[in-house]
C-alpha atoms as a PDB file:
ATOM      1  CA  MET A   1      -0.146   0.015   0.272  1.00  0.00           C
ATOM      2  CA  ASP A   2       1.459   3.316  -0.761  1.00  0.00           C
ATOM      3  CA  ARG A   3      -0.362   5.685   1.529  1.00  0.00           C
ATOM      4  CA  ALA A   4       0.916   9.236  -0.002  1.00  0.00           C
ATOM      5  CA  LYS A   5       0.083   8.263  -3.782  1.00  0.00           C
ATOM      6  CA  LEU A   6      -3.346   6.909  -2.622  1.00  0.00           C
ATOM      7  CA  ALA A   7      -4.181   9.762  -0.396  1.00  0.00           C
ATOM      8  CA  ASP A   8      -2.994  12.131  -3.210  1.00  0.00           C
ATOM      9  CA  PHE A   9      -5.119  10.259  -6.401  1.00  0.00           C
ATOM     10  CA  LEU A  10      -8.050  10.290  -4.187  1.00  0.00           C
ATOM     11  CA  ARG A  11      -7.995  13.669  -3.170  1.00  0.00           C
ATOM     12  CA  ARG A  12      -7.332  14.801  -7.163  1.00  0.00           C
ATOM     13  CA  SER A  13     -10.239  12.523  -8.239  1.00  0.00           C
ATOM     14  CA  ARG A  14     -12.691  14.124  -5.691  1.00  0.00           C
ATOM     15  CA  GLU A  15     -11.605  17.720  -6.489  1.00  0.00           C
ATOM     16  CA  ARG A  16     -12.277  16.868 -10.319  1.00  0.00           C
ATOM     17  CA  LEU A  17     -15.501  15.696 -10.111  1.00  0.00           C
ATOM     18  CA  ARG A  18     -18.193  17.986 -10.378  1.00  0.00           C
ATOM     19  CA  PRO A  19     -21.216  17.861  -8.167  1.00  0.00           C
ATOM     20  CA  ARG A  20     -23.822  17.974 -10.703  1.00  0.00           C
ATOM     21  CA  GLU A  21     -21.807  14.911 -12.245  1.00  0.00           C
ATOM     22  CA  VAL A  22     -23.263  12.741  -9.074  1.00  0.00           C
ATOM     23  CA  GLY A  23     -26.472  14.548  -9.152  1.00  0.00           C
ATOM     24  CA  LEU A  24     -25.725  17.281  -6.199  1.00  0.00           C
ATOM     25  CA  ASP A  25     -26.611  21.123  -5.926  1.00  0.00           C
ATOM     26  CA  ALA A  26     -23.156  22.668  -5.959  1.00  0.00           C
ATOM     27  CA  GLY A  27     -24.762  25.416  -4.105  1.00  0.00           C
ATOM     28  CA  PRO A  28     -23.695  29.234  -3.899  1.00  0.00           C
ATOM     29  CA  ARG A  29     -21.055  28.955  -1.277  1.00  0.00           C
ATOM     30  CA  ARG A  30     -19.262  26.566  -2.542  1.00  0.00           C
ATOM     31  CA  ARG A  31     -14.994  27.397  -2.410  1.00  0.00           C
ATOM     32  CA  THR A  32     -14.110  24.847  -4.845  1.00  0.00           C
ATOM     33  CA  PRO A  33     -15.707  22.875  -7.962  1.00  0.00           C
ATOM     34  CA  GLY A  34     -15.023  19.535  -6.541  1.00  0.00           C
ATOM     35  CA  LEU A  35     -16.724  17.412  -4.454  1.00  0.00           C
ATOM     36  CA  ARG A  36     -16.224  17.853  -0.579  1.00  0.00           C
ATOM     37  CA  ARG A  37     -15.251  15.119   1.453  1.00  0.00           C
ATOM     38  CA  GLU A  38     -18.405  14.721   3.117  1.00  0.00           C
ATOM     39  CA  GLU A  39     -20.151  14.429  -0.075  1.00  0.00           C
ATOM     40  CA  LEU A  40     -18.117  11.604  -1.570  1.00  0.00           C
ATOM     41  CA  ALA A  41     -18.095   9.826   1.925  1.00  0.00           C
ATOM     42  CA  GLN A  42     -22.110   9.852   1.435  1.00  0.00           C
ATOM     43  CA  LEU A  43     -22.170   8.739  -1.998  1.00  0.00           C
ATOM     44  CA  ALA A  44     -19.290   5.951  -0.849  1.00  0.00           C
ATOM     45  CA  GLY A  45     -21.141   4.781   2.323  1.00  0.00           C
ATOM     46  CA  VAL A  46     -18.345   5.651   4.724  1.00  0.00           C
ATOM     47  CA  SER A  47     -17.370   8.147   7.472  1.00  0.00           C
ATOM     48  CA  ALA A  48     -16.234  11.526   6.192  1.00  0.00           C
ATOM     49  CA  ASP A  49     -13.609  11.012   9.034  1.00  0.00           C
ATOM     50  CA  TYR A  50     -12.375   7.777   7.087  1.00  0.00           C
ATOM     51  CA  VAL A  51     -12.317   9.726   3.910  1.00  0.00           C
ATOM     52  CA  MET A  52     -10.193  12.563   5.564  1.00  0.00           C
ATOM     53  CA  ARG A  53      -7.467   9.777   7.018  1.00  0.00           C
ATOM     54  CA  LEU A  54      -7.395   8.477   3.397  1.00  0.00           C
ATOM     55  CA  GLU A  55      -6.232  11.599   2.465  1.00  0.00           C
ATOM     56  CA  GLN A  56      -4.056  12.475   4.787  1.00  0.00           C
ATOM     57  CA  ALA A  57      -2.510   9.182   4.290  1.00  0.00           C
ATOM     58  CA  ARG A  58      -2.904   8.106   7.841  1.00  0.00           C
ATOM     59  CA  SER A  59      -5.838   5.186   7.193  1.00  0.00           C
ATOM     60  CA  SER A  60      -5.573   1.187   7.731  1.00  0.00           C
ATOM     61  CA  GLN A  61      -5.489  -0.564   4.165  1.00  0.00           C
ATOM     62  CA  PRO A  62      -8.901  -0.187   2.702  1.00  0.00           C
ATOM     63  CA  SER A  63     -10.803  -3.390   1.711  1.00  0.00           C
ATOM     64  CA  THR A  64     -11.286  -4.192  -1.674  1.00  0.00           C
ATOM     65  CA  GLN A  65     -15.323  -3.720  -1.063  1.00  0.00           C
ATOM     66  CA  LEU A  66     -14.550  -0.094   0.273  1.00  0.00           C
ATOM     67  CA  LEU A  67     -12.163   0.472  -2.582  1.00  0.00           C
ATOM     68  CA  GLY A  68     -14.967  -0.499  -5.352  1.00  0.00           C
ATOM     69  CA  ALA A  69     -17.802   1.829  -3.445  1.00  0.00           C
ATOM     70  CA  LEU A  70     -14.767   4.773  -3.747  1.00  0.00           C
ATOM     71  CA  ALA A  71     -14.374   4.098  -7.330  1.00  0.00           C
ATOM     72  CA  ARG A  72     -18.147   4.095  -8.369  1.00  0.00           C
ATOM     73  CA  ALA A  73     -18.561   7.264  -6.360  1.00  0.00           C
ATOM     74  CA  LEU A  74     -15.629   8.877  -7.777  1.00  0.00           C
ATOM     75  CA  ARG A  75     -16.668   7.705 -11.416  1.00  0.00           C
ATOM     76  CA  LEU A  76     -13.531   6.610 -11.761  1.00  0.00           C
ATOM     77  CA  THR A  77     -12.590   4.521 -15.467  1.00  0.00           C
ATOM     78  CA  GLU A  78     -11.490   1.212 -15.461  1.00  0.00           C
ATOM     79  CA  ASP A  79      -7.781   2.482 -15.471  1.00  0.00           C
ATOM     80  CA  GLU A  80      -8.261   4.525 -13.108  1.00  0.00           C
ATOM     81  CA  ARG A  81     -10.212   1.788 -10.828  1.00  0.00           C
ATOM     82  CA  ASP A  82      -7.473  -0.246 -11.455  1.00  0.00           C
ATOM     83  CA  HIS A  83      -4.722   2.423 -10.429  1.00  0.00           C
ATOM     84  CA  LEU A  84      -6.653   2.740  -7.033  1.00  0.00           C
ATOM     85  CA  TYR A  85      -6.662  -0.853  -6.277  1.00  0.00           C
ATOM     86  CA  LEU A  86      -3.143  -1.129  -6.735  1.00  0.00           C
ATOM     87  CA  LEU A  87      -2.147   1.860  -4.969  1.00  0.00           C
ATOM     88  CA  ALA A  88      -4.035   0.476  -1.997  1.00  0.00           C
ATOM     89  CA  GLY A  89      -1.950  -2.880  -2.235  1.00  0.00           C
ATOM     90  CA  HIS A  90      -4.875  -4.877  -3.755  1.00  0.00           C
ATOM     91  CA  ARG A  91      -5.155  -6.882  -7.161  1.00  0.00           C
ATOM     92  CA  PRO A  92      -7.321  -5.072  -9.436  1.00  0.00           C
ATOM     93  CA  PRO A  93     -11.108  -6.637 -10.504  1.00  0.00           C
ATOM     94  CA  GLU A  94     -10.796  -9.240 -13.072  1.00  0.00           C
ATOM     95  CA  GLY A  95     -12.002  -7.398 -16.254  1.00  0.00           C
ATOM     96  CA  PRO A  96     -14.861  -8.546 -18.702  1.00  0.00           C
ATOM     97  CA  ARG A  97     -15.175 -11.921 -20.076  1.00  0.00           C
ATOM     98  CA  ALA A  98     -15.663 -13.081 -23.804  1.00  0.00           C
ATOM     99  CA  GLY A  99     -16.460 -16.541 -23.327  1.00  0.00           C
ATOM    100  CA  HIS A 100     -16.475 -18.001 -26.807  1.00  0.00           C
ATOM    101  CA  TYR A 101     -16.676 -14.950 -28.996  1.00  0.00           C
ATOM    102  CA  VAL A 102     -13.637 -14.090 -30.868  1.00  0.00           C
ATOM    103  CA  ARG A 103     -13.142  -9.912 -31.695  1.00  0.00           C
ATOM    104  CA  PRO A 104     -12.779  -9.809 -35.564  1.00  0.00           C
ATOM    105  CA  ALA A 105      -9.368  -7.637 -34.964  1.00  0.00           C
ATOM    106  CA  LEU A 106      -8.171 -11.228 -33.439  1.00  0.00           C
ATOM    107  CA  LEU A 107      -8.870 -13.086 -35.984  1.00  0.00           C
ATOM    108  CA  TYR A 108      -7.012 -10.760 -38.267  1.00  0.00           C
ATOM    109  CA  LEU A 109      -4.025 -10.748 -35.990  1.00  0.00           C
ATOM    110  CA  LEU A 110      -4.072 -14.734 -36.136  1.00  0.00           C
ATOM    111  CA  ASP A 111      -4.102 -14.477 -39.997  1.00  0.00           C
ATOM    112  CA  ARG A 112      -1.254 -11.611 -40.403  1.00  0.00           C
ATOM    113  CA  LEU A 113       1.220 -14.037 -38.053  1.00  0.00           C
ATOM    114  CA  GLY A 114       1.605 -16.140 -41.191  1.00  0.00           C
ATOM    115  CA  ASP A 115       4.843 -17.410 -40.532  1.00  0.00           C
ATOM    116  CA  THR A 116       4.235 -18.017 -36.552  1.00  0.00           C
ATOM    117  CA  PRO A 117       1.773 -20.599 -35.350  1.00  0.00           C
ATOM    118  CA  ALA A 118      -0.584 -18.861 -33.531  1.00  0.00           C
ATOM    119  CA  GLN A 119      -3.601 -19.800 -31.445  1.00  0.00           C
ATOM    120  CA  LEU A 120      -6.542 -18.421 -29.257  1.00  0.00           C
ATOM    121  CA  ILE A 121      -7.525 -20.124 -26.328  1.00  0.00           C
ATOM    122  CA  THR A 122      -9.946 -19.756 -23.242  1.00  0.00           C
ATOM    123  CA  ASP A 123      -8.261 -19.538 -19.771  1.00  0.00           C
ATOM    124  CA  LEU A 124      -9.770 -23.188 -19.563  1.00  0.00           C
ATOM    125  CA  GLY A 125      -8.287 -24.588 -22.249  1.00  0.00           C
ATOM    126  CA  ASP A 126     -10.650 -24.423 -25.400  1.00  0.00           C
ATOM    127  CA  LEU A 127      -9.205 -23.956 -28.620  1.00  0.00           C
ATOM    128  CA  LEU A 128     -11.324 -20.989 -30.283  1.00  0.00           C
ATOM    129  CA  ALA A 129      -9.126 -19.993 -33.239  1.00  0.00           C
ATOM    130  CA  GLN A 130      -5.875 -20.768 -35.223  1.00  0.00           C
ATOM    131  CA  ASN A 131      -4.020 -19.683 -37.872  1.00  0.00           C
ATOM    132  CA  ALA A 132      -3.301 -21.674 -40.990  1.00  0.00           C
ATOM    133  CA  LEU A 133       0.377 -22.818 -39.797  1.00  0.00           C
ATOM    134  CA  ALA A 134      -0.763 -23.801 -36.373  1.00  0.00           C
ATOM    135  CA  GLU A 135      -3.473 -25.885 -37.976  1.00  0.00           C
ATOM    136  CA  ALA A 136      -0.708 -27.656 -39.913  1.00  0.00           C
ATOM    137  CA  LEU A 137       1.469 -28.005 -36.964  1.00  0.00           C
ATOM    138  CA  PHE A 138      -1.436 -29.156 -34.483  1.00  0.00           C
ATOM    139  CA  GLY A 139      -4.446 -30.282 -36.476  1.00  0.00           C
ATOM    140  CA  CYS A 140      -4.079 -33.591 -34.841  1.00  0.00           C
ATOM    141  CA  VAL A 141      -3.804 -32.768 -31.526  1.00  0.00           C
ATOM    142  CA  CYS A 142      -7.055 -30.440 -30.835  1.00  0.00           C
ATOM    143  CA  THR A 143      -9.693 -29.240 -33.427  1.00  0.00           C
ATOM    144  CA  LEU A 144     -12.155 -26.269 -33.268  1.00  0.00           C
ATOM    145  CA  GLU A 145     -15.386 -28.889 -33.046  1.00  0.00           C
ATOM    146  CA  GLU A 146     -17.367 -27.846 -30.264  1.00  0.00           C
ATOM    147  CA  GLN A 147     -17.042 -31.159 -27.712  1.00  0.00           C
ATOM    148  CA  ASP A 148     -13.571 -31.859 -29.144  1.00  0.00           C
ATOM    149  CA  ARG A 149     -12.113 -28.365 -28.570  1.00  0.00           C
ATOM    150  CA  ASN A 150     -10.741 -28.472 -24.899  1.00  0.00           C
ATOM    151  CA  ILE A 151      -6.831 -29.280 -24.582  1.00  0.00           C
ATOM    152  CA  ALA A 152      -7.213 -30.784 -21.484  1.00  0.00           C
ATOM    153  CA  TRP A 153     -10.164 -32.901 -22.616  1.00  0.00           C
ATOM    154  CA  ARG A 154      -8.218 -34.252 -25.443  1.00  0.00           C
ATOM    155  CA  TRP A 155      -4.736 -34.831 -23.608  1.00  0.00           C
ATOM    156  CA  PHE A 156      -6.935 -36.796 -20.757  1.00  0.00           C
ATOM    157  CA  THR A 157      -9.324 -38.687 -22.664  1.00  0.00           C
ATOM    158  CA  ASN A 158      -7.729 -39.533 -26.479  1.00  0.00           C
ATOM    159  CA  PRO A 159      -4.207 -41.572 -26.564  1.00  0.00           C
ATOM    160  CA  ARG A 160      -3.756 -40.750 -29.862  1.00  0.00           C
ATOM    161  CA  VAL A 161      -3.226 -36.618 -29.019  1.00  0.00           C
ATOM    162  CA  ARG A 162      -0.188 -37.934 -26.830  1.00  0.00           C
ATOM    163  CA  GLU A 163       1.679 -39.575 -30.208  1.00  0.00           C
ATOM    164  CA  ALA A 164       2.309 -35.945 -31.008  1.00  0.00           C
ATOM    165  CA  TYR A 165       4.532 -35.322 -28.500  1.00  0.00           C
ATOM    166  CA  PRO A 166       7.724 -37.189 -27.023  1.00  0.00           C
ATOM    167  CA  ALA A 167       6.704 -39.950 -24.308  1.00  0.00           C
ATOM    168  CA  GLU A 168       9.217 -38.511 -21.974  1.00  0.00           C
ATOM    169  CA  ASP A 169       7.446 -35.338 -21.811  1.00  0.00           C
ATOM    170  CA  HIS A 170       4.054 -36.992 -21.042  1.00  0.00           C
ATOM    171  CA  ASP A 171       4.368 -36.968 -17.409  1.00  0.00           C
ATOM    172  CA  HIS A 172       5.493 -33.136 -17.459  1.00  0.00           C
ATOM    173  CA  LEU A 173       2.540 -32.033 -19.832  1.00  0.00           C
ATOM    174  CA  SER A 174       0.005 -33.901 -17.630  1.00  0.00           C
ATOM    175  CA  ARG A 175       1.163 -31.981 -14.456  1.00  0.00           C
ATOM    176  CA  VAL A 176       1.403 -28.882 -16.718  1.00  0.00           C
ATOM    177  CA  ARG A 177      -1.852 -28.991 -18.073  1.00  0.00           C
ATOM    178  CA  VAL A 178      -3.428 -29.798 -14.194  1.00  0.00           C
ATOM    179  CA  ALA A 179      -1.767 -26.967 -12.498  1.00  0.00           C
ATOM    180  CA  ASP A 180      -2.702 -24.324 -15.010  1.00  0.00           C
ATOM    181  CA  LEU A 181      -6.517 -25.456 -15.035  1.00  0.00           C
ATOM    182  CA  ARG A 182      -6.342 -25.256 -11.276  1.00  0.00           C
ATOM    183  CA  ALA A 183      -5.075 -21.618 -11.845  1.00  0.00           C
ATOM    184  CA  ALA A 184      -7.775 -20.546 -14.035  1.00  0.00           C
ATOM    185  CA  ALA A 185     -10.494 -22.066 -12.296  1.00  0.00           C
ATOM    186  CA  THR A 186      -9.391 -20.383  -8.869  1.00  0.00           C
ATOM    187  CA  HIS A 187      -9.442 -17.228 -10.656  1.00  0.00           C
ATOM    188  CA  ARG A 188     -12.867 -17.920 -12.018  1.00  0.00           C
ATOM    189  CA  GLY A 189     -13.810 -18.521  -8.611  1.00  0.00           C
ATOM    190  CA  TYR A 190     -14.844 -22.054  -9.724  1.00  0.00           C
ATOM    191  CA  ASP A 191     -17.535 -21.143 -11.893  1.00  0.00           C
ATOM    192  CA  ARG A 192     -20.274 -23.748 -13.582  1.00  0.00           C
ATOM    193  CA  PRO A 193     -17.908 -24.295 -16.812  1.00  0.00           C
ATOM    194  CA  ALA A 194     -14.731 -24.489 -14.627  1.00  0.00           C
ATOM    195  CA  THR A 195     -16.469 -27.252 -12.124  1.00  0.00           C
ATOM    196  CA  ASP A 196     -18.408 -28.799 -15.074  1.00  0.00           C
ATOM    197  CA  LEU A 197     -14.957 -29.277 -16.902  1.00  0.00           C
ATOM    198  CA  ILE A 198     -13.144 -30.927 -13.809  1.00  0.00           C
ATOM    199  CA  GLU A 199     -16.049 -33.114 -12.796  1.00  0.00           C
ATOM    200  CA  ARG A 200     -15.924 -34.409 -16.077  1.00  0.00           C
ATOM    201  CA  LEU A 201     -11.772 -34.791 -16.450  1.00  0.00           C
ATOM    202  CA  GLU A 202     -12.015 -36.374 -12.873  1.00  0.00           C
ATOM    203  CA  ALA A 203     -14.838 -38.982 -13.963  1.00  0.00           C
ATOM    204  CA  ALA A 204     -13.172 -39.787 -17.367  1.00  0.00           C
ATOM    205  CA  SER A 205      -9.195 -39.599 -16.265  1.00  0.00           C
ATOM    206  CA  ALA A 206      -7.997 -41.601 -12.919  1.00  0.00           C
ATOM    207  CA  GLU A 207      -4.390 -39.761 -14.284  1.00  0.00           C
ATOM    208  CA  PHE A 208      -6.076 -36.207 -14.225  1.00  0.00           C
ATOM    209  CA  ALA A 209      -7.657 -37.489 -10.658  1.00  0.00           C
ATOM    210  CA  THR A 210      -4.765 -38.495  -9.020  1.00  0.00           C
ATOM    211  CA  LEU A 211      -2.722 -35.292 -10.318  1.00  0.00           C
ATOM    212  CA  TRP A 212      -5.848 -32.633  -9.529  1.00  0.00           C
ATOM    213  CA  ASN A 213      -5.700 -34.189  -5.854  1.00  0.00           C
ATOM    214  CA  GLU A 214      -1.928 -33.136  -5.792  1.00  0.00           C
ATOM    215  CA  HIS A 215      -3.339 -29.165  -5.527  1.00  0.00           C
ATOM    216  CA  GLU A 216      -0.507 -27.893  -7.933  1.00  0.00           C
ATOM    217  CA  VAL A 217      -0.676 -24.939  -9.231  1.00  0.00           C
ATOM    218  CA  ALA A 218       1.097 -22.832 -11.812  1.00  0.00           C
ATOM    219  CA  MET A 219      -0.415 -20.745 -14.536  1.00  0.00           C
ATOM    220  CA  ARG A 220       1.350 -21.286 -17.589  1.00  0.00           C
ATOM    221  CA  ARG A 221       3.011 -17.780 -19.105  1.00  0.00           C
ATOM    222  CA  SER A 222       5.864 -19.183 -21.538  1.00  0.00           C
ATOM    223  CA  HIS A 223       6.903 -22.811 -22.237  1.00  0.00           C
ATOM    224  CA  HIS A 224       9.009 -24.891 -24.372  1.00  0.00           C
ATOM    225  CA  VAL A 225       7.468 -27.820 -26.107  1.00  0.00           C
ATOM    226  CA  ARG A 226       8.537 -30.628 -28.491  1.00  0.00           C
ATOM    227  CA  VAL A 227       6.324 -32.009 -31.184  1.00  0.00           C
ATOM    228  CA  VAL A 228       6.742 -34.979 -33.282  1.00  0.00           C
ATOM    229  CA  HIS A 229       4.652 -34.308 -36.358  1.00  0.00           C
ATOM    230  CA  PRO A 230       4.376 -37.121 -39.088  1.00  0.00           C
ATOM    231  CA  ALA A 231       5.307 -34.807 -42.049  1.00  0.00           C
ATOM    232  CA  VAL A 232       8.073 -33.188 -40.804  1.00  0.00           C
ATOM    233  CA  GLY A 233       9.595 -35.340 -37.794  1.00  0.00           C
ATOM    234  CA  PRO A 234      10.421 -33.618 -34.542  1.00  0.00           C
ATOM    235  CA  VAL A 235      10.278 -30.206 -33.907  1.00  0.00           C
ATOM    236  CA  GLU A 236      10.861 -27.668 -30.752  1.00  0.00           C
ATOM    237  CA  PHE A 237       9.114 -24.858 -30.159  1.00  0.00           C
ATOM    238  CA  ASP A 238       8.971 -21.408 -27.680  1.00  0.00           C
ATOM    239  CA  PHE A 239       5.722 -20.100 -27.046  1.00  0.00           C
ATOM    240  CA  GLU A 240       4.628 -17.083 -25.272  1.00  0.00           C
ATOM    241  CA  ILE A 241       0.948 -16.541 -23.433  1.00  0.00           C
ATOM    242  CA  LEU A 242      -0.381 -13.193 -24.080  1.00  0.00           C
ATOM    243  CA  GLN A 243      -3.155 -12.056 -22.379  1.00  0.00           C
ATOM    244  CA  THR A 244      -5.930 -10.669 -24.437  1.00  0.00           C
ATOM    245  CA  GLU A 245      -8.366  -7.752 -23.554  1.00  0.00           C
ATOM    246  CA  ALA A 246     -11.005 -10.335 -22.338  1.00  0.00           C
ATOM    247  CA  ALA A 247      -9.634 -11.688 -18.962  1.00  0.00           C
ATOM    248  CA  ASP A 248     -10.433 -15.490 -20.266  1.00  0.00           C
ATOM    249  CA  GLN A 249      -8.761 -15.527 -23.413  1.00  0.00           C
ATOM    250  CA  ARG A 250      -5.070 -16.163 -24.216  1.00  0.00           C
ATOM    251  CA  LEU A 251      -3.179 -15.590 -27.529  1.00  0.00           C
ATOM    252  CA  ARG A 252      -0.524 -18.278 -27.932  1.00  0.00           C
ATOM    253  CA  ILE A 253       2.446 -17.547 -30.216  1.00  0.00           C
ATOM    254  CA  PHE A 254       4.923 -20.369 -30.982  1.00  0.00           C
ATOM    255  CA  THR A 255       8.544 -19.443 -32.306  1.00  0.00           C
ATOM    256  CA  PRO A 256      11.414 -21.922 -33.240  1.00  0.00           C
ATOM    257  CA  PRO A 257      14.423 -21.284 -31.191  1.00  0.00           C
ATOM    258  CA  PRO A 258      17.097 -19.773 -33.590  1.00  0.00           C
ATOM    259  CA  GLY A 259      19.054 -22.200 -35.877  1.00  0.00           C
ATOM    260  CA  SER A 260      17.192 -24.910 -35.104  1.00  0.00           C
ATOM    261  CA  HIS A 261      15.826 -27.515 -37.330  1.00  0.00           C
ATOM    262  CA  SER A 262      12.486 -26.334 -36.183  1.00  0.00           C
ATOM    263  CA  ILE A 263      12.367 -23.406 -38.769  1.00  0.00           C
ATOM    264  CA  GLU A 264      12.726 -25.062 -41.821  1.00  0.00           C
ATOM    265  CA  ALA A 265      10.167 -27.601 -40.225  1.00  0.00           C
ATOM    266  CA  LEU A 266       7.612 -24.473 -40.401  1.00  0.00           C
ATOM    267  CA  GLU A 267       8.459 -23.395 -43.897  1.00  0.00           C
ATOM    268  CA  ILE A 268       7.707 -27.156 -45.258  1.00  0.00           C
ATOM    269  CA  LEU A 269       4.123 -26.912 -43.293  1.00  0.00           C
ATOM    270  CA  ARG A 270       3.407 -23.652 -44.249  1.00  0.00           C
ATOM    271  CA  VAL A 271       3.979 -24.686 -47.839  1.00  0.00           C
ATOM    272  CA  ILE A 272       2.169 -27.577 -48.044  1.00  0.00           C
ATOM    273  CA  GLY A 273      -0.656 -26.343 -46.058  1.00  0.00           C
ATOM    274  CA  PRO A 274      -2.985 -27.761 -43.303  1.00  0.00           C
ATOM    275  CA  GLU A 275      -4.645 -29.965 -45.570  1.00  0.00           C
ATOM    276  CA  THR A 276      -1.638 -32.001 -46.896  1.00  0.00           C
ATOM    277  CA  ALA A 277      -0.247 -31.977 -43.466  1.00  0.00           C
ATOM    278  CA  HIS A 278      -3.091 -33.485 -41.949  1.00  0.00           C
ATOM    279  CA  ARG A 279      -3.797 -36.155 -44.629  1.00  0.00           C
ATOM    280  CA  SER A 280      -0.416 -37.821 -43.363  1.00  0.00           C
ATOM    281  CA  HIS A 281      -2.122 -37.811 -40.020  1.00  0.00           C
ATOM    282  CA  ARG A 282      -4.859 -40.043 -41.127  1.00  0.00           C
END
C-alpha cells in the first residue's frame, strides 16, 4: 500500500468531480468546484472521518469492497479504478469475459501471423481459433469442434493426442495442464464452466483425478514444447502466452529456437498447408 500516492490520487479525483456529475447541487457557497469530503463519504457509504484519514495518508488498508464503493462514487474509469486498487495494495478486479466469442481484430491478427503458429484459447483451455500454420502443426492434437476443442480434455481422454509428443514429456505435460487448469479455475472462483470441466475430467481420467488431488498450481505464461509431426519429424518451440483484452482468453504464439531444424520444418508446413499435413495423420 502506497499511502501517500493513494491519498493524492483520491484527493485529486474528488476535486475533479463536479457535484452535478453525481446529481448534487453545487450551491452558492462552494469554495471549490469539486466534491467535498462529506459528499464523497455519503456517495460511497463511509464516514467522512475515514475519507479524511485516507486523504491524509493516515488510514489502515482499505478493503476491496470499500475501494469499489469509492471507485463508483468517484466515477473512475477502469484504468483509474485499477490504479486505485494497486495503490491500496490490492489486485484489481478481473476484466470482462468474452467466453467463446472471438473479436474480428484477433482473427485478423491470427491471419497476419502467417510465418508463426498462433492460437487463441480460453483460460480453461478451449481452442477458439488458430491460423493456418498452427492448424498444419497441431491439427492432429486438437480441433475447433465444440465437443473436442478443450486441450486438457483431449489430452486425458484421447491416447492418440499424446502420439504427437515425445513419450518422455508426457508426465510433465500432464502436470502442466492440471496445474494451469487449477490456476484458471481458482481465478474464476470455480464457476460452472470450470467445475463442469473438472468433474468431467475426474470421471473420465484416473490420471487427471490423481494429479488434481495433488493440488499443484502454476499458470503457464511461457513454455518450451516438443512436437513429433508425421510430415516433418520432431520440432520444438518456445511459446509465449499473451493476455488479450478479455480476461478469459489468451493468445499463444509459437516461435522456433534460432538456428534450429524447426525453422525449416515450419517453412515446409507453410508451403504444404494444413490439408496436406493432416492427410499424413490419417
